[in-house]
């Protein structure tokens, strides 16, 4: 068992992205589905689907790249975990971070659900910063 399943998910995505893999499989949870919904909506992954395996299930993530098969470029330049199990990072409405001057996104767990930094600013809620993606 991992101590931080979200960090494990982000590491699997980062590793698959670095070697241009087409898909990556991640053990499923509702929080991971919410994070993947945001990554899909923001254009960082092409799609994902839930596969029932008799236990907790598996999320099969289809990675996204720019260009053709020979001249591929990564869509995800960086993905890092901010709030860790040993050090939780919470922000108020006025301190919501902007990633790479607005070119990236911060994924935040709020009382209104899992949101991007832009959505959290619009609604006016703060929360726990899960990760940065750019």
N, C-alpha and C. Protein backbone atom coordinates (compact mmCIF):
# COMPACT_ATOMS: atom_id res chain seq x y z
N UNK A 1 0.85 -1.19 0.00
CA UNK A 1 0.00 0.00 0.00
C UNK A 1 0.88 1.24 0.00
N UNK A 2 0.48 2.24 -0.80
CA UNK A 2 1.24 3.48 -0.88
C UNK A 2 0.78 4.42 0.20
N UNK A 3 1.67 5.30 0.59
CA UNK A 3 1.29 6.29 1.59
C UNK A 3 0.57 7.46 0.94
N UNK A 4 0.80 7.69 -0.36
CA UNK A 4 0.17 8.81 -1.04
C UNK A 4 -0.28 8.37 -2.44
N UNK A 5 -1.53 7.93 -2.59
CA UNK A 5 -2.01 7.44 -3.89
C UNK A 5 -2.03 8.52 -4.98
N UNK A 6 -2.27 9.78 -4.62
CA UNK A 6 -2.29 10.85 -5.63
C UNK A 6 -0.88 11.07 -6.18
N UNK A 7 0.12 11.07 -5.30
CA UNK A 7 1.51 11.21 -5.76
C UNK A 7 1.88 10.04 -6.68
N UNK A 8 1.40 8.83 -6.36
CA UNK A 8 1.64 7.67 -7.20
C UNK A 8 1.01 7.87 -8.58
N UNK A 9 -0.23 8.38 -8.63
CA UNK A 9 -0.90 8.63 -9.90
C UNK A 9 -0.13 9.65 -10.74
N UNK A 10 0.28 10.75 -10.11
CA UNK A 10 1.01 11.79 -10.83
C UNK A 10 2.35 11.27 -11.34
N UNK A 11 3.02 10.43 -10.55
CA UNK A 11 4.30 9.85 -10.96
C UNK A 11 4.10 8.91 -12.15
N UNK A 12 3.03 8.11 -12.14
CA UNK A 12 2.76 7.22 -13.27
C UNK A 12 2.50 8.02 -14.54
N UNK A 13 1.76 9.12 -14.43
CA UNK A 13 1.48 9.97 -15.59
C UNK A 13 2.77 10.63 -16.08
N UNK A 14 3.58 11.14 -15.14
CA UNK A 14 4.85 11.79 -15.49
C UNK A 14 5.78 10.81 -16.19
N UNK A 15 5.89 9.58 -15.67
CA UNK A 15 6.78 8.58 -16.26
C UNK A 15 6.30 8.15 -17.65
N UNK A 16 4.99 7.94 -17.81
CA UNK A 16 4.44 7.55 -19.11
C UNK A 16 4.66 8.68 -20.13
N UNK A 17 4.51 9.91 -19.67
CA UNK A 17 4.69 11.08 -20.54
C UNK A 17 6.15 11.19 -21.00
N UNK A 18 7.09 10.90 -20.11
CA UNK A 18 8.50 11.07 -20.45
C UNK A 18 9.00 10.07 -21.48
N UNK A 19 8.35 8.89 -21.58
CA UNK A 19 8.76 7.90 -22.57
C UNK A 19 7.73 7.76 -23.69
N UNK A 20 6.80 8.74 -23.79
CA UNK A 20 5.79 8.80 -24.85
C UNK A 20 4.92 7.55 -24.93
N UNK A 21 4.52 7.00 -23.79
CA UNK A 21 3.60 5.86 -23.79
C UNK A 21 2.21 6.34 -24.20
N UNK A 22 1.45 5.48 -24.85
CA UNK A 22 0.10 5.85 -25.29
C UNK A 22 -0.91 5.77 -24.15
N UNK A 23 -0.76 4.76 -23.29
CA UNK A 23 -1.69 4.59 -22.17
C UNK A 23 -0.92 4.28 -20.90
N UNK A 24 -1.60 4.54 -19.77
CA UNK A 24 -1.05 4.18 -18.46
C UNK A 24 -2.22 3.75 -17.59
N UNK A 25 -1.99 2.71 -16.77
CA UNK A 25 -3.04 2.20 -15.90
C UNK A 25 -2.77 2.60 -14.46
N UNK A 26 -3.83 3.07 -13.79
CA UNK A 26 -3.73 3.58 -12.43
C UNK A 26 -4.84 2.96 -11.59
N UNK A 27 -4.55 2.49 -10.37
CA UNK A 27 -5.64 2.01 -9.51
C UNK A 27 -6.66 3.12 -9.27
N UNK A 28 -7.94 2.77 -9.33
CA UNK A 28 -8.99 3.78 -9.34
C UNK A 28 -9.39 4.27 -7.95
N UNK A 29 -9.85 5.53 -7.89
CA UNK A 29 -10.54 6.10 -6.74
C UNK A 29 -11.32 7.31 -7.25
N UNK A 30 -12.28 7.76 -6.48
CA UNK A 30 -13.11 8.89 -6.91
C UNK A 30 -12.29 10.18 -7.00
N UNK A 31 -11.33 10.37 -6.09
CA UNK A 31 -10.48 11.56 -6.14
C UNK A 31 -9.64 11.56 -7.41
N UNK A 32 -9.09 10.41 -7.77
CA UNK A 32 -8.28 10.30 -8.99
C UNK A 32 -9.14 10.58 -10.22
N UNK A 33 -10.39 10.09 -10.21
CA UNK A 33 -11.30 10.36 -11.33
C UNK A 33 -11.55 11.86 -11.47
N UNK A 34 -11.73 12.54 -10.35
CA UNK A 34 -11.97 13.99 -10.38
C UNK A 34 -10.76 14.74 -10.94
N UNK A 35 -9.55 14.32 -10.52
CA UNK A 35 -8.33 14.96 -11.02
C UNK A 35 -8.19 14.69 -12.52
N UNK A 36 -8.49 13.45 -12.96
CA UNK A 36 -8.40 13.12 -14.39
C UNK A 36 -9.45 13.87 -15.20
N UNK A 37 -10.64 14.11 -14.61
CA UNK A 37 -11.66 14.91 -15.30
C UNK A 37 -11.10 16.30 -15.62
N UNK A 38 -10.41 16.89 -14.65
CA UNK A 38 -9.82 18.22 -14.87
C UNK A 38 -8.72 18.15 -15.91
N UNK A 39 -7.83 17.15 -15.83
CA UNK A 39 -6.74 17.01 -16.80
C UNK A 39 -7.29 16.82 -18.21
N UNK A 40 -8.40 16.09 -18.33
CA UNK A 40 -9.03 15.88 -19.64
C UNK A 40 -9.67 17.18 -20.14
N UNK A 41 -10.39 17.86 -19.27
CA UNK A 41 -11.08 19.10 -19.63
C UNK A 41 -10.09 20.19 -20.04
N UNK A 42 -8.93 20.24 -19.37
CA UNK A 42 -7.92 21.26 -19.67
C UNK A 42 -6.99 20.85 -20.82
N UNK A 43 -7.16 19.63 -21.35
CA UNK A 43 -6.41 19.21 -22.53
C UNK A 43 -5.06 18.58 -22.25
N UNK A 44 -4.82 18.09 -21.04
CA UNK A 44 -3.53 17.47 -20.72
C UNK A 44 -3.51 15.97 -21.00
N UNK A 45 -4.66 15.31 -20.94
CA UNK A 45 -4.78 13.91 -21.35
C UNK A 45 -5.95 13.82 -22.33
N UNK A 46 -5.89 12.85 -23.26
CA UNK A 46 -6.95 12.80 -24.27
C UNK A 46 -8.22 12.18 -23.71
N UNK A 47 -8.11 11.13 -22.89
CA UNK A 47 -9.30 10.49 -22.33
C UNK A 47 -8.86 9.48 -21.26
N UNK A 48 -9.83 8.99 -20.52
CA UNK A 48 -9.58 7.89 -19.59
C UNK A 48 -10.85 7.08 -19.47
N UNK A 49 -10.70 5.83 -19.06
CA UNK A 49 -11.91 5.03 -18.81
C UNK A 49 -11.68 4.14 -17.60
N UNK A 50 -12.79 3.84 -16.92
CA UNK A 50 -12.77 3.00 -15.73
C UNK A 50 -12.95 1.55 -16.17
N UNK A 51 -12.07 0.68 -15.70
CA UNK A 51 -12.16 -0.75 -16.01
C UNK A 51 -12.37 -1.50 -14.69
N UNK A 52 -13.45 -2.25 -14.62
CA UNK A 52 -13.77 -3.03 -13.42
C UNK A 52 -12.87 -4.27 -13.39
N UNK A 53 -12.21 -4.49 -12.25
CA UNK A 53 -11.34 -5.66 -12.14
C UNK A 53 -11.70 -6.55 -10.95
N UNK A 54 -12.87 -6.32 -10.35
CA UNK A 54 -13.29 -7.13 -9.22
C UNK A 54 -12.79 -6.62 -7.89
N UNK A 55 -11.85 -5.68 -7.90
CA UNK A 55 -11.36 -5.07 -6.66
C UNK A 55 -11.78 -3.61 -6.67
N UNK A 56 -10.81 -2.69 -6.71
CA UNK A 56 -11.17 -1.27 -6.69
C UNK A 56 -11.31 -0.70 -8.09
N UNK A 57 -10.89 -1.44 -9.11
CA UNK A 57 -10.97 -0.97 -10.48
C UNK A 57 -9.67 -0.32 -10.93
N UNK A 58 -9.59 -0.09 -12.23
CA UNK A 58 -8.40 0.51 -12.82
C UNK A 58 -8.84 1.65 -13.73
N UNK A 59 -8.09 2.74 -13.69
CA UNK A 59 -8.31 3.84 -14.62
C UNK A 59 -7.26 3.74 -15.72
N UNK A 60 -7.72 3.55 -16.97
CA UNK A 60 -6.80 3.48 -18.10
C UNK A 60 -6.79 4.85 -18.76
N UNK A 61 -5.65 5.54 -18.66
CA UNK A 61 -5.51 6.91 -19.13
C UNK A 61 -4.83 6.91 -20.50
N UNK A 62 -5.47 7.56 -21.47
CA UNK A 62 -4.88 7.74 -22.80
C UNK A 62 -4.13 9.06 -22.79
N UNK A 63 -2.82 8.98 -22.97
CA UNK A 63 -1.97 10.16 -22.93
C UNK A 63 -2.14 10.98 -24.21
N UNK A 64 -1.78 12.26 -24.14
CA UNK A 64 -1.94 13.16 -25.27
C UNK A 64 -0.60 13.80 -25.62
N UNK A 65 -0.29 13.84 -26.92
CA UNK A 65 0.94 14.44 -27.40
C UNK A 65 0.63 15.31 -28.61
N UNK A 66 1.50 16.29 -28.87
CA UNK A 66 1.36 17.13 -30.07
C UNK A 66 2.19 16.52 -31.18
N UNK A 67 1.78 16.74 -32.42
CA UNK A 67 2.54 16.26 -33.56
C UNK A 67 2.19 14.84 -33.95
N UNK A 68 2.91 14.31 -34.96
CA UNK A 68 2.67 12.95 -35.42
C UNK A 68 3.54 11.97 -34.62
N UNK A 69 3.49 10.70 -35.02
CA UNK A 69 4.18 9.65 -34.26
C UNK A 69 5.70 9.86 -34.22
N UNK A 70 6.27 10.47 -35.27
CA UNK A 70 7.72 10.64 -35.30
C UNK A 70 8.18 11.90 -34.58
N UNK A 71 7.44 12.97 -34.74
CA UNK A 71 7.83 14.25 -34.16
C UNK A 71 6.91 14.63 -33.00
N UNK A 72 6.87 13.77 -32.01
CA UNK A 72 5.99 14.01 -30.87
C UNK A 72 6.55 15.06 -29.93
N UNK A 73 5.64 15.86 -29.39
CA UNK A 73 6.00 16.81 -28.33
C UNK A 73 5.05 16.57 -27.17
N UNK A 74 5.57 16.72 -25.97
CA UNK A 74 4.77 16.49 -24.77
C UNK A 74 3.79 17.64 -24.55
N UNK A 75 2.57 17.29 -24.17
CA UNK A 75 1.57 18.29 -23.79
C UNK A 75 1.82 18.69 -22.34
N UNK A 76 2.17 17.70 -21.50
CA UNK A 76 2.48 17.97 -20.09
C UNK A 76 3.99 18.20 -19.97
N UNK A 77 4.38 19.45 -19.70
CA UNK A 77 5.80 19.75 -19.50
C UNK A 77 6.23 19.41 -18.07
N UNK A 78 5.32 19.59 -17.12
CA UNK A 78 5.64 19.31 -15.73
C UNK A 78 4.38 19.03 -14.94
N UNK A 79 4.50 18.16 -13.96
CA UNK A 79 3.37 17.84 -13.08
C UNK A 79 3.97 17.51 -11.71
N UNK A 80 3.65 18.31 -10.70
CA UNK A 80 4.23 18.09 -9.38
C UNK A 80 3.16 18.08 -8.30
N UNK A 81 3.40 17.28 -7.28
CA UNK A 81 2.53 17.20 -6.11
C UNK A 81 2.90 18.34 -5.18
N UNK A 82 1.92 19.10 -4.71
CA UNK A 82 2.19 20.23 -3.82
C UNK A 82 1.91 19.83 -2.38
N UNK A 83 0.69 19.43 -2.10
CA UNK A 83 0.30 19.05 -0.75
C UNK A 83 0.61 17.58 -0.55
N UNK A 84 1.53 17.27 0.35
CA UNK A 84 1.93 15.88 0.58
C UNK A 84 1.33 15.39 1.89
N UNK A 85 1.45 14.10 2.14
CA UNK A 85 0.88 13.55 3.37
C UNK A 85 1.57 14.11 4.61
N UNK A 86 2.84 14.46 4.50
CA UNK A 86 3.58 15.01 5.64
C UNK A 86 3.42 16.51 5.80
N UNK A 87 3.02 17.20 4.74
CA UNK A 87 2.88 18.65 4.79
C UNK A 87 1.74 19.08 3.88
N UNK A 88 0.59 19.31 4.46
CA UNK A 88 -0.58 19.75 3.71
C UNK A 88 -0.47 21.24 3.42
N UNK A 89 -0.83 21.64 2.21
CA UNK A 89 -0.77 23.04 1.81
C UNK A 89 -2.19 23.53 1.52
N UNK A 90 -2.65 24.47 2.35
CA UNK A 90 -3.98 25.05 2.18
C UNK A 90 -3.84 26.51 1.80
N UNK A 91 -4.76 26.98 0.95
CA UNK A 91 -4.76 28.38 0.56
C UNK A 91 -6.15 28.96 0.73
N UNK A 92 -6.18 30.25 1.07
CA UNK A 92 -7.44 30.97 1.13
C UNK A 92 -7.80 31.51 -0.24
N UNK A 93 -8.95 32.12 -0.34
CA UNK A 93 -9.42 32.66 -1.62
C UNK A 93 -8.45 33.67 -2.20
N UNK A 94 -7.85 34.48 -1.34
CA UNK A 94 -6.95 35.54 -1.81
C UNK A 94 -5.54 35.05 -2.13
N UNK A 95 -5.20 33.82 -1.79
CA UNK A 95 -3.84 33.31 -2.00
C UNK A 95 -3.77 32.15 -3.00
N UNK A 96 -4.79 31.99 -3.83
CA UNK A 96 -4.80 30.89 -4.80
C UNK A 96 -3.67 31.11 -5.80
N UNK A 97 -2.78 30.11 -5.97
CA UNK A 97 -1.60 30.30 -6.81
C UNK A 97 -1.91 30.31 -8.30
N UNK A 98 -1.08 31.03 -9.04
CA UNK A 98 -1.14 31.03 -10.49
C UNK A 98 0.10 30.29 -10.97
N UNK A 99 -0.07 29.27 -11.78
CA UNK A 99 1.03 28.42 -12.21
C UNK A 99 1.60 28.91 -13.53
N UNK A 100 2.92 29.17 -13.57
CA UNK A 100 3.64 29.63 -14.76
C UNK A 100 2.95 30.84 -15.40
N UNK A 101 2.54 31.78 -14.59
CA UNK A 101 1.92 32.99 -15.09
C UNK A 101 0.60 32.76 -15.79
N UNK A 102 -0.12 31.72 -15.39
CA UNK A 102 -1.41 31.41 -15.99
C UNK A 102 -1.34 30.40 -17.13
N UNK A 103 -0.14 29.96 -17.50
CA UNK A 103 0.00 28.98 -18.57
C UNK A 103 -0.30 27.56 -18.08
N UNK A 104 -0.16 27.33 -16.77
CA UNK A 104 -0.45 26.03 -16.20
C UNK A 104 -1.68 26.11 -15.31
N UNK A 105 -2.00 25.02 -14.65
CA UNK A 105 -3.13 25.01 -13.73
C UNK A 105 -2.70 24.45 -12.37
N UNK A 106 -3.39 24.92 -11.34
CA UNK A 106 -3.27 24.33 -10.02
C UNK A 106 -4.57 23.59 -9.78
N UNK A 107 -4.50 22.35 -9.31
CA UNK A 107 -5.70 21.59 -8.99
C UNK A 107 -5.89 21.66 -7.48
N UNK A 108 -7.09 22.12 -7.07
CA UNK A 108 -7.36 22.41 -5.67
C UNK A 108 -8.59 21.62 -5.20
N UNK A 109 -8.46 21.01 -4.03
CA UNK A 109 -9.58 20.31 -3.41
C UNK A 109 -10.32 21.30 -2.51
N UNK A 110 -11.55 21.65 -2.87
CA UNK A 110 -12.32 22.64 -2.13
C UNK A 110 -13.58 22.02 -1.57
N UNK A 111 -14.34 22.83 -0.84
CA UNK A 111 -15.63 22.36 -0.32
C UNK A 111 -16.65 22.18 -1.45
N UNK A 112 -16.38 22.76 -2.62
CA UNK A 112 -17.26 22.64 -3.79
C UNK A 112 -16.78 21.53 -4.73
N UNK A 113 -15.78 20.76 -4.33
CA UNK A 113 -15.25 19.68 -5.15
C UNK A 113 -13.83 20.00 -5.62
N UNK A 114 -13.34 19.18 -6.54
CA UNK A 114 -12.00 19.37 -7.09
C UNK A 114 -12.11 20.39 -8.22
N UNK A 115 -11.36 21.49 -8.11
CA UNK A 115 -11.44 22.58 -9.07
C UNK A 115 -10.06 23.02 -9.54
N UNK A 116 -10.03 23.73 -10.66
CA UNK A 116 -8.79 24.37 -11.10
C UNK A 116 -8.66 25.68 -10.33
N UNK A 117 -7.48 26.30 -10.42
CA UNK A 117 -7.27 27.58 -9.74
C UNK A 117 -8.21 28.66 -10.28
N UNK A 118 -8.47 28.65 -11.58
CA UNK A 118 -9.36 29.66 -12.18
C UNK A 118 -10.79 29.51 -11.68
N UNK A 119 -11.26 28.26 -11.63
CA UNK A 119 -12.63 28.00 -11.15
C UNK A 119 -12.77 28.38 -9.69
N UNK A 120 -11.75 28.07 -8.88
CA UNK A 120 -11.80 28.39 -7.45
C UNK A 120 -11.84 29.90 -7.23
N UNK A 121 -11.09 30.65 -8.06
CA UNK A 121 -11.12 32.11 -7.97
C UNK A 121 -12.50 32.65 -8.33
N UNK A 122 -13.11 32.10 -9.39
CA UNK A 122 -14.44 32.55 -9.82
C UNK A 122 -15.49 32.31 -8.74
N UNK A 123 -15.46 31.11 -8.17
CA UNK A 123 -16.46 30.76 -7.14
C UNK A 123 -16.16 31.46 -5.83
N UNK A 124 -14.86 31.72 -5.58
CA UNK A 124 -14.46 32.39 -4.35
C UNK A 124 -14.25 31.44 -3.19
N UNK A 125 -13.61 30.30 -3.47
CA UNK A 125 -13.31 29.33 -2.42
C UNK A 125 -11.83 28.98 -2.43
N UNK A 126 -11.30 28.63 -1.27
CA UNK A 126 -9.93 28.15 -1.14
C UNK A 126 -9.96 26.67 -0.81
N UNK A 127 -8.81 26.10 -0.54
CA UNK A 127 -8.76 24.68 -0.19
C UNK A 127 -7.35 24.15 -0.20
N UNK A 128 -7.25 22.82 -0.33
CA UNK A 128 -5.96 22.16 -0.33
C UNK A 128 -5.42 22.09 -1.76
N UNK A 129 -4.20 22.56 -1.98
CA UNK A 129 -3.58 22.53 -3.31
C UNK A 129 -3.05 21.11 -3.54
N UNK A 130 -3.64 20.40 -4.49
CA UNK A 130 -3.23 19.03 -4.77
C UNK A 130 -1.97 19.00 -5.61
N UNK A 131 -1.99 19.68 -6.77
CA UNK A 131 -0.82 19.63 -7.66
C UNK A 131 -0.81 20.80 -8.63
N UNK A 132 0.34 20.98 -9.26
CA UNK A 132 0.50 21.94 -10.35
C UNK A 132 0.76 21.15 -11.63
N UNK A 133 0.15 21.60 -12.74
CA UNK A 133 0.37 20.98 -14.05
C UNK A 133 0.65 22.10 -15.04
N UNK A 134 1.68 21.94 -15.86
CA UNK A 134 1.96 22.93 -16.91
C UNK A 134 2.54 22.23 -18.12
